Amino acid sequence: MSALAAYWRSRPGPERRIWAMLLLLVAGAILVAFVWLPLERSRARLAAGIPSVRASIDSMQRQAAEAKRLRALPPAATTQAPLSSLTAGTATGLQVSTLDPKRVRASAADVAFNTLVEWIIAAQASHGVHVETAHLERLAAPGRVKAELVLARP
């Protein structure tokens, strides 16, 4: 190390100033290339992402408000018609029989698919049932099916 210091002291003053400026310039270029430019790129990337983050925050705030509104609603009425009323008056061609207090079986050899779907929707709304099992076969006539369904209450 002392040899390097002795070499530096042996150089004339103008040459030492030129070398010092050159080293300062190289250090500045390294600082810019490896510190400032990466930071600037990160800042620009983060600035470009701000609108999407703000949109996400707005969406989450709307969802939180909706969740709060839904929690404030009174519980849904649990009075449902008895399942035995499903067996009476099915003009759709379905044969409905009660399996147990919470389940019914509906079957039809030939029924319109749209009519079947409408009947299921009406049963869900009036009796609180859902389709537990379903077996449908397409018939030769367009829009007609053979159906075997089991509907159940939760």
N, C-alpha and C. Protein backbone atom coordinates (compact mmCIF):
# COMPACT_ATOMS: atom_id res chain seq x y z
N MET A 1 0.82 -1.18 0.00
CA MET A 1 0.00 0.00 0.00
C MET A 1 0.87 1.26 0.00
N SER A 2 1.96 1.19 0.72
CA SER A 2 2.84 2.36 0.77
C SER A 2 3.48 2.61 -0.60
N ALA A 3 3.65 1.54 -1.39
CA ALA A 3 4.22 1.71 -2.72
C ALA A 3 3.25 2.50 -3.60
N LEU A 4 1.94 2.24 -3.46
CA LEU A 4 0.93 2.96 -4.22
C LEU A 4 0.89 4.42 -3.79
N ALA A 5 0.99 4.68 -2.49
CA ALA A 5 1.01 6.06 -1.98
C ALA A 5 2.25 6.79 -2.46
N ALA A 6 3.39 6.09 -2.48
CA ALA A 6 4.64 6.71 -2.95
C ALA A 6 4.52 7.03 -4.43
N TYR A 7 3.93 6.13 -5.22
CA TYR A 7 3.75 6.37 -6.65
C TYR A 7 2.85 7.58 -6.85
N TRP A 8 1.77 7.68 -6.05
CA TRP A 8 0.84 8.80 -6.18
C TRP A 8 1.54 10.12 -5.86
N ARG A 9 2.33 10.14 -4.84
CA ARG A 9 3.03 11.38 -4.46
C ARG A 9 4.10 11.76 -5.49
N SER A 10 4.65 10.77 -6.22
CA SER A 10 5.69 11.07 -7.20
C SER A 10 5.11 11.70 -8.47
N ARG A 11 3.81 11.60 -8.70
CA ARG A 11 3.18 12.19 -9.90
C ARG A 11 3.07 13.70 -9.72
N PRO A 12 3.18 14.42 -10.82
CA PRO A 12 3.04 15.88 -10.73
C PRO A 12 1.59 16.27 -10.39
N GLY A 13 1.36 17.44 -9.82
CA GLY A 13 0.05 17.92 -9.39
C GLY A 13 -1.02 17.89 -10.47
N PRO A 14 -0.77 18.39 -11.71
CA PRO A 14 -1.81 18.36 -12.75
C PRO A 14 -2.23 16.93 -13.11
N GLU A 15 -1.26 16.02 -13.14
CA GLU A 15 -1.59 14.62 -13.47
C GLU A 15 -2.46 14.02 -12.36
N ARG A 16 -2.13 14.33 -11.10
CA ARG A 16 -2.94 13.81 -9.99
C ARG A 16 -4.36 14.37 -10.06
N ARG A 17 -4.52 15.62 -10.43
CA ARG A 17 -5.86 16.20 -10.55
C ARG A 17 -6.65 15.51 -11.66
N ILE A 18 -5.99 15.24 -12.78
CA ILE A 18 -6.67 14.55 -13.91
C ILE A 18 -7.12 13.17 -13.47
N TRP A 19 -6.21 12.41 -12.79
CA TRP A 19 -6.57 11.08 -12.31
C TRP A 19 -7.70 11.15 -11.27
N ALA A 20 -7.67 12.12 -10.40
CA ALA A 20 -8.71 12.27 -9.38
C ALA A 20 -10.06 12.55 -10.04
N MET A 21 -10.07 13.46 -11.04
CA MET A 21 -11.32 13.74 -11.75
C MET A 21 -11.82 12.52 -12.50
N LEU A 22 -10.91 11.77 -13.11
CA LEU A 22 -11.28 10.57 -13.83
C LEU A 22 -11.89 9.53 -12.87
N LEU A 23 -11.25 9.34 -11.71
CA LEU A 23 -11.80 8.41 -10.71
C LEU A 23 -13.15 8.89 -10.19
N LEU A 24 -13.30 10.18 -9.98
CA LEU A 24 -14.58 10.74 -9.53
C LEU A 24 -15.66 10.52 -10.59
N LEU A 25 -15.31 10.70 -11.85
CA LEU A 25 -16.25 10.48 -12.95
C LEU A 25 -16.66 9.02 -13.03
N VAL A 26 -15.71 8.09 -12.90
CA VAL A 26 -16.01 6.66 -12.93
C VAL A 26 -16.90 6.28 -11.74
N ALA A 27 -16.59 6.79 -10.55
CA ALA A 27 -17.40 6.51 -9.36
C ALA A 27 -18.82 7.04 -9.55
N GLY A 28 -18.94 8.24 -10.14
CA GLY A 28 -20.27 8.80 -10.41
C GLY A 28 -21.05 7.94 -11.40
N ALA A 29 -20.36 7.47 -12.45
CA ALA A 29 -21.03 6.61 -13.44
C ALA A 29 -21.49 5.30 -12.81
N ILE A 30 -20.66 4.72 -11.95
CA ILE A 30 -21.04 3.48 -11.26
C ILE A 30 -22.23 3.72 -10.34
N LEU A 31 -22.21 4.85 -9.63
CA LEU A 31 -23.31 5.19 -8.75
C LEU A 31 -24.62 5.35 -9.53
N VAL A 32 -24.54 6.03 -10.66
CA VAL A 32 -25.73 6.21 -11.49
C VAL A 32 -26.21 4.87 -12.03
N ALA A 33 -25.29 4.06 -12.57
CA ALA A 33 -25.68 2.81 -13.22
C ALA A 33 -26.22 1.77 -12.25
N PHE A 34 -25.64 1.68 -11.07
CA PHE A 34 -26.01 0.60 -10.16
C PHE A 34 -26.89 1.02 -8.99
N VAL A 35 -27.08 2.31 -8.78
CA VAL A 35 -27.92 2.75 -7.67
C VAL A 35 -29.10 3.57 -8.19
N TRP A 36 -28.83 4.68 -8.84
CA TRP A 36 -29.89 5.58 -9.21
C TRP A 36 -30.83 5.00 -10.29
N LEU A 37 -30.28 4.41 -11.37
CA LEU A 37 -31.13 3.87 -12.44
C LEU A 37 -32.05 2.76 -11.95
N PRO A 38 -31.58 1.77 -11.17
CA PRO A 38 -32.52 0.77 -10.66
C PRO A 38 -33.61 1.37 -9.77
N LEU A 39 -33.24 2.33 -8.94
CA LEU A 39 -34.25 2.98 -8.10
C LEU A 39 -35.27 3.74 -8.94
N GLU A 40 -34.80 4.40 -9.97
CA GLU A 40 -35.70 5.15 -10.85
C GLU A 40 -36.64 4.21 -11.60
N ARG A 41 -36.13 3.07 -12.05
CA ARG A 41 -36.99 2.08 -12.74
C ARG A 41 -38.05 1.54 -11.78
N SER A 42 -37.66 1.26 -10.56
CA SER A 42 -38.62 0.78 -9.56
C SER A 42 -39.67 1.83 -9.27
N ARG A 43 -39.26 3.08 -9.15
CA ARG A 43 -40.20 4.15 -8.89
C ARG A 43 -41.21 4.28 -10.04
N ALA A 44 -40.72 4.21 -11.27
CA ALA A 44 -41.61 4.33 -12.44
C ALA A 44 -42.58 3.15 -12.50
N ARG A 45 -42.08 1.93 -12.21
CA ARG A 45 -42.95 0.75 -12.22
C ARG A 45 -44.03 0.86 -11.15
N LEU A 46 -43.65 1.30 -9.95
CA LEU A 46 -44.62 1.45 -8.87
C LEU A 46 -45.62 2.56 -9.19
N ALA A 47 -45.16 3.64 -9.79
CA ALA A 47 -46.06 4.73 -10.16
C ALA A 47 -47.06 4.26 -11.21
N ALA A 48 -46.62 3.41 -12.13
CA ALA A 48 -47.53 2.90 -13.16
C ALA A 48 -48.57 1.95 -12.56
N GLY A 49 -48.24 1.28 -11.47
CA GLY A 49 -49.17 0.33 -10.85
C GLY A 49 -50.17 0.95 -9.90
N ILE A 50 -50.00 2.22 -9.57
CA ILE A 50 -50.89 2.88 -8.61
C ILE A 50 -52.35 2.86 -9.06
N PRO A 51 -52.70 3.15 -10.32
CA PRO A 51 -54.12 3.13 -10.70
C PRO A 51 -54.78 1.77 -10.48
N SER A 52 -54.08 0.68 -10.79
CA SER A 52 -54.70 -0.64 -10.58
C SER A 52 -54.84 -0.96 -9.10
N VAL A 53 -53.91 -0.51 -8.28
CA VAL A 53 -54.03 -0.71 -6.84
C VAL A 53 -55.20 0.10 -6.28
N ARG A 54 -55.34 1.32 -6.75
CA ARG A 54 -56.47 2.14 -6.31
C ARG A 54 -57.79 1.52 -6.73
N ALA A 55 -57.84 0.97 -7.94
CA ALA A 55 -59.07 0.30 -8.40
C ALA A 55 -59.36 -0.92 -7.53
N SER A 56 -58.34 -1.66 -7.15
CA SER A 56 -58.54 -2.82 -6.28
C SER A 56 -59.07 -2.39 -4.92
N ILE A 57 -58.52 -1.32 -4.40
CA ILE A 57 -58.97 -0.82 -3.10
C ILE A 57 -60.43 -0.39 -3.18
N ASP A 58 -60.79 0.33 -4.25
CA ASP A 58 -62.18 0.75 -4.43
C ASP A 58 -63.11 -0.45 -4.51
N SER A 59 -62.70 -1.47 -5.25
CA SER A 59 -63.50 -2.68 -5.37
C SER A 59 -63.67 -3.36 -4.02
N MET A 60 -62.58 -3.47 -3.26
CA MET A 60 -62.68 -4.10 -1.94
C MET A 60 -63.56 -3.29 -1.00
N GLN A 61 -63.50 -1.97 -1.08
CA GLN A 61 -64.36 -1.14 -0.23
C GLN A 61 -65.83 -1.34 -0.59
N ARG A 62 -66.13 -1.43 -1.90
CA ARG A 62 -67.51 -1.68 -2.32
C ARG A 62 -67.98 -3.05 -1.83
N GLN A 63 -67.10 -4.06 -1.95
CA GLN A 63 -67.46 -5.39 -1.49
C GLN A 63 -67.67 -5.42 0.02
N ALA A 64 -66.85 -4.69 0.77
CA ALA A 64 -67.01 -4.63 2.22
C ALA A 64 -68.33 -3.96 2.58
N ALA A 65 -68.68 -2.91 1.87
CA ALA A 65 -69.96 -2.24 2.12
C ALA A 65 -71.13 -3.18 1.80
N GLU A 66 -71.01 -3.94 0.72
CA GLU A 66 -72.06 -4.89 0.36
C GLU A 66 -72.16 -5.99 1.41
N ALA A 67 -71.03 -6.48 1.89
CA ALA A 67 -71.05 -7.52 2.92
C ALA A 67 -71.69 -6.98 4.20
N LYS A 68 -71.37 -5.74 4.55
CA LYS A 68 -71.96 -5.13 5.74
C LYS A 68 -73.47 -4.99 5.57
N ARG A 69 -73.90 -4.59 4.37
CA ARG A 69 -75.33 -4.45 4.10
C ARG A 69 -76.03 -5.80 4.20
N LEU A 70 -75.41 -6.84 3.65
CA LEU A 70 -76.02 -8.17 3.69
C LEU A 70 -76.08 -8.73 5.11
N ARG A 71 -75.06 -8.45 5.91
CA ARG A 71 -75.08 -8.92 7.31
C ARG A 71 -76.17 -8.23 8.11
N ALA A 72 -76.51 -7.00 7.72
CA ALA A 72 -77.53 -6.24 8.44
C ALA A 72 -78.94 -6.69 8.09
N LEU A 73 -79.10 -7.43 6.98
CA LEU A 73 -80.43 -7.90 6.60
C LEU A 73 -80.95 -8.90 7.61
N PRO A 74 -82.26 -8.91 7.83
CA PRO A 74 -82.82 -9.91 8.75
C PRO A 74 -82.69 -11.30 8.12
N PRO A 75 -82.62 -12.34 8.94
CA PRO A 75 -82.51 -13.69 8.38
C PRO A 75 -83.74 -14.04 7.54
N ALA A 76 -83.50 -14.84 6.52
CA ALA A 76 -84.59 -15.25 5.62
C ALA A 76 -85.61 -16.07 6.39
N ALA A 77 -86.84 -15.93 6.00
CA ALA A 77 -87.91 -16.69 6.65
C ALA A 77 -87.70 -18.18 6.40
N THR A 78 -87.89 -18.95 7.44
CA THR A 78 -87.66 -20.38 7.32
C THR A 78 -88.96 -21.16 7.21
N THR A 79 -90.06 -20.47 7.10
CA THR A 79 -91.33 -21.18 6.95
C THR A 79 -91.44 -21.65 5.51
N GLN A 80 -91.46 -22.95 5.33
CA GLN A 80 -91.54 -23.54 4.01
C GLN A 80 -92.73 -24.48 3.96
N ALA A 81 -93.28 -24.60 2.79
CA ALA A 81 -94.41 -25.51 2.62
C ALA A 81 -93.93 -26.94 2.83
N PRO A 82 -94.79 -27.79 3.34
CA PRO A 82 -94.38 -29.18 3.53
C PRO A 82 -94.11 -29.86 2.19
N LEU A 83 -93.19 -30.81 2.21
CA LEU A 83 -92.82 -31.48 0.96
C LEU A 83 -93.99 -32.28 0.38
N SER A 84 -94.92 -32.67 1.22
CA SER A 84 -96.07 -33.43 0.70
C SER A 84 -96.87 -32.60 -0.30
N SER A 85 -96.80 -31.26 -0.20
CA SER A 85 -97.54 -30.43 -1.16
C SER A 85 -96.91 -30.49 -2.54
N LEU A 86 -95.67 -30.94 -2.67
CA LEU A 86 -95.06 -31.13 -3.99
C LEU A 86 -95.71 -32.28 -4.73
N THR A 87 -96.17 -33.26 -4.00
CA THR A 87 -96.76 -34.44 -4.64
C THR A 87 -98.14 -34.15 -5.21
N ALA A 88 -98.81 -33.13 -4.71
CA ALA A 88 -100.16 -32.82 -5.17
C ALA A 88 -100.12 -31.80 -6.29
N GLY A 89 -100.90 -32.00 -7.28
CA GLY A 89 -101.12 -31.01 -8.33
C GLY A 89 -99.94 -30.76 -9.24
N THR A 90 -99.20 -31.78 -9.64
CA THR A 90 -98.13 -31.58 -10.61
C THR A 90 -98.69 -31.82 -12.00
N ALA A 91 -98.97 -30.73 -12.68
CA ALA A 91 -99.53 -30.81 -14.02
C ALA A 91 -98.45 -30.95 -15.07
N THR A 92 -97.21 -31.11 -14.67
CA THR A 92 -96.10 -31.16 -15.62
C THR A 92 -95.89 -32.56 -16.18
N GLY A 93 -96.59 -33.54 -15.65
CA GLY A 93 -96.36 -34.91 -16.08
C GLY A 93 -95.38 -35.63 -15.17
N LEU A 94 -94.93 -34.96 -14.12
CA LEU A 94 -94.02 -35.57 -13.16
C LEU A 94 -94.80 -36.40 -12.15
N GLN A 95 -94.22 -37.50 -11.76
CA GLN A 95 -94.78 -38.30 -10.68
C GLN A 95 -93.87 -38.07 -9.47
N VAL A 96 -94.41 -37.49 -8.42
CA VAL A 96 -93.62 -37.11 -7.25
C VAL A 96 -94.05 -37.96 -6.07
N SER A 97 -93.06 -38.54 -5.38
CA SER A 97 -93.35 -39.33 -4.19
C SER A 97 -92.39 -38.94 -3.07
N THR A 98 -92.87 -39.02 -1.84
CA THR A 98 -92.06 -38.64 -0.68
C THR A 98 -91.19 -39.82 -0.27
N LEU A 99 -89.89 -39.59 -0.15
CA LEU A 99 -88.98 -40.64 0.31
C LEU A 99 -88.85 -40.61 1.83
N ASP A 100 -88.65 -39.45 2.39
CA ASP A 100 -88.60 -39.25 3.83
C ASP A 100 -88.98 -37.79 4.09
N PRO A 101 -88.99 -37.34 5.34
CA PRO A 101 -89.46 -35.96 5.60
C PRO A 101 -88.65 -34.87 4.90
N LYS A 102 -87.44 -35.17 4.48
CA LYS A 102 -86.62 -34.14 3.84
C LYS A 102 -86.34 -34.40 2.37
N ARG A 103 -86.84 -35.49 1.80
CA ARG A 103 -86.51 -35.81 0.41
C ARG A 103 -87.74 -36.30 -0.35
N VAL A 104 -87.78 -35.94 -1.63
CA VAL A 104 -88.81 -36.43 -2.54
C VAL A 104 -88.16 -36.90 -3.83
N ARG A 105 -88.82 -37.84 -4.49
CA ARG A 105 -88.37 -38.34 -5.79
C ARG A 105 -89.37 -37.88 -6.84
N ALA A 106 -88.85 -37.36 -7.94
CA ALA A 106 -89.69 -36.94 -9.06
C ALA A 106 -89.21 -37.70 -10.30
N SER A 107 -90.15 -38.24 -11.04
CA SER A 107 -89.78 -38.96 -12.25
C SER A 107 -90.81 -38.69 -13.34
N ALA A 108 -90.33 -38.77 -14.56
CA ALA A 108 -91.20 -38.58 -15.71
C ALA A 108 -90.61 -39.35 -16.88
N ALA A 109 -91.45 -40.06 -17.61
CA ALA A 109 -90.99 -40.80 -18.77
C ALA A 109 -90.80 -39.88 -19.97
N ASP A 110 -91.58 -38.78 -20.03
CA ASP A 110 -91.50 -37.85 -21.15
C ASP A 110 -91.98 -36.49 -20.67
N VAL A 111 -91.05 -35.55 -20.52
CA VAL A 111 -91.40 -34.21 -20.05
C VAL A 111 -90.55 -33.19 -20.82
N ALA A 112 -91.10 -32.01 -21.01
CA ALA A 112 -90.35 -30.94 -21.66
C ALA A 112 -89.26 -30.46 -20.70
N PHE A 113 -88.04 -30.31 -21.21
CA PHE A 113 -86.92 -29.91 -20.36
C PHE A 113 -87.17 -28.55 -19.72
N ASN A 114 -87.67 -27.58 -20.48
CA ASN A 114 -87.95 -26.25 -19.93
C ASN A 114 -88.97 -26.32 -18.81
N THR A 115 -90.00 -27.13 -18.97
CA THR A 115 -91.02 -27.29 -17.93
C THR A 115 -90.40 -27.90 -16.68
N LEU A 116 -89.54 -28.88 -16.86
CA LEU A 116 -88.87 -29.51 -15.73
C LEU A 116 -88.01 -28.50 -14.96
N VAL A 117 -87.25 -27.71 -15.68
CA VAL A 117 -86.40 -26.70 -15.03
C VAL A 117 -87.26 -25.68 -14.29
N GLU A 118 -88.34 -25.22 -14.90
CA GLU A 118 -89.24 -24.27 -14.23
C GLU A 118 -89.85 -24.88 -12.98
N TRP A 119 -90.21 -26.16 -13.01
CA TRP A 119 -90.77 -26.83 -11.84
C TRP A 119 -89.73 -26.91 -10.71
N ILE A 120 -88.48 -27.22 -11.08
CA ILE A 120 -87.41 -27.29 -10.07
C ILE A 120 -87.19 -25.92 -9.43
N ILE A 121 -87.18 -24.87 -10.24
CA ILE A 121 -87.00 -23.51 -9.71
C ILE A 121 -88.14 -23.15 -8.76
N ALA A 122 -89.36 -23.49 -9.15
CA ALA A 122 -90.51 -23.20 -8.29
C ALA A 122 -90.43 -24.01 -6.99
N ALA A 123 -89.99 -25.26 -7.07
CA ALA A 123 -89.86 -26.08 -5.87
C ALA A 123 -88.77 -25.53 -4.95
N GLN A 124 -87.69 -25.04 -5.53
CA GLN A 124 -86.63 -24.43 -4.72
C GLN A 124 -87.15 -23.20 -3.99
N ALA A 125 -87.92 -22.38 -4.70
CA ALA A 125 -88.42 -21.14 -4.10
C ALA A 125 -89.47 -21.41 -3.03
N SER A 126 -90.38 -22.34 -3.27
CA SER A 126 -91.49 -22.53 -2.34
C SER A 126 -91.20 -23.54 -1.23
N HIS A 127 -90.30 -24.49 -1.46
CA HIS A 127 -90.07 -25.55 -0.49
C HIS A 127 -88.64 -25.59 0.03
N GLY A 128 -87.74 -24.78 -0.52
CA GLY A 128 -86.36 -24.73 -0.05
C GLY A 128 -85.58 -26.00 -0.33
N VAL A 129 -85.88 -26.67 -1.43
CA VAL A 129 -85.19 -27.91 -1.77
C VAL A 129 -84.11 -27.63 -2.81
N HIS A 130 -83.18 -28.56 -2.92
CA HIS A 130 -82.18 -28.50 -3.97
C HIS A 130 -82.09 -29.89 -4.61
N VAL A 131 -81.57 -29.94 -5.81
CA VAL A 131 -81.46 -31.22 -6.51
C VAL A 131 -80.29 -31.99 -5.91
N GLU A 132 -80.62 -33.15 -5.32
CA GLU A 132 -79.60 -33.99 -4.72
C GLU A 132 -78.99 -34.91 -5.79
N THR A 133 -79.85 -35.56 -6.56
CA THR A 133 -79.39 -36.37 -7.68
C THR A 133 -80.31 -36.14 -8.87
N ALA A 134 -79.75 -36.28 -10.04
CA ALA A 134 -80.55 -36.12 -11.26
C ALA A 134 -80.00 -37.04 -12.33
N HIS A 135 -80.91 -37.70 -13.01
CA HIS A 135 -80.54 -38.52 -14.16
C HIS A 135 -81.49 -38.14 -15.28
N LEU A 136 -80.94 -37.55 -16.34
CA LEU A 136 -81.76 -37.11 -17.47
C LEU A 136 -81.29 -37.83 -18.73
N GLU A 137 -82.26 -38.26 -19.52
CA GLU A 137 -81.95 -38.86 -20.82
C GLU A 137 -82.70 -38.08 -21.89
N ARG A 138 -81.99 -37.73 -22.94
CA ARG A 138 -82.60 -37.01 -24.05
C ARG A 138 -83.47 -37.98 -24.84
N LEU A 139 -84.65 -37.55 -25.20
CA LEU A 139 -85.54 -38.36 -26.03
C LEU A 139 -85.42 -37.91 -27.49
N ALA A 140 -86.05 -38.66 -28.35
CA ALA A 140 -85.95 -38.37 -29.78
C ALA A 140 -86.61 -37.04 -30.13
N ALA A 141 -87.68 -36.69 -29.46
CA ALA A 141 -88.37 -35.43 -29.73
C ALA A 141 -87.53 -34.27 -29.18
N PRO A 142 -87.38 -33.20 -29.93
CA PRO A 142 -86.57 -32.07 -29.47
C PRO A 142 -87.13 -31.45 -28.18
N GLY A 143 -86.23 -31.20 -27.22
CA GLY A 143 -86.62 -30.55 -25.97
C GLY A 143 -87.32 -31.45 -24.98
N ARG A 144 -87.36 -32.74 -25.24
CA ARG A 144 -88.04 -33.68 -24.33
C ARG A 144 -87.00 -34.58 -23.67
N VAL A 145 -87.24 -34.92 -22.39
CA VAL A 145 -86.30 -35.75 -21.64
C VAL A 145 -87.06 -36.76 -20.79
N LYS A 146 -86.34 -37.82 -20.41
CA LYS A 146 -86.78 -38.75 -19.39
C LYS A 146 -86.01 -38.34 -18.14
N ALA A 147 -86.69 -38.15 -17.00
CA ALA A 147 -86.05 -37.59 -15.84
C ALA A 147 -86.29 -38.43 -14.58
N GLU A 148 -85.25 -38.56 -13.79
CA GLU A 148 -85.30 -39.17 -12.45
C GLU A 148 -84.56 -38.21 -11.54
N LEU A 149 -85.27 -37.59 -10.60
CA LEU A 149 -84.67 -36.59 -9.70
C LEU A 149 -84.94 -36.94 -8.25
N VAL A 150 -84.02 -36.57 -7.39
CA VAL A 150 -84.26 -36.60 -5.95
C VAL A 150 -83.98 -35.19 -5.46
N LEU A 151 -85.00 -34.59 -4.84
CA LEU A 151 -84.88 -33.24 -4.28
C LEU A 151 -84.83 -33.36 -2.77
N ALA A 152 -83.98 -32.56 -2.13
CA ALA A 152 -83.82 -32.65 -0.69
C ALA A 152 -83.74 -31.27 -0.06
N ARG A 153 -84.17 -31.20 1.20
CA ARG A 153 -84.00 -29.99 1.99
C ARG A 153 -82.69 -30.10 2.75
N PRO A 154 -82.06 -28.98 2.98
CA PRO A 154 -80.79 -29.05 3.77
C PRO A 154 -81.05 -29.44 5.21
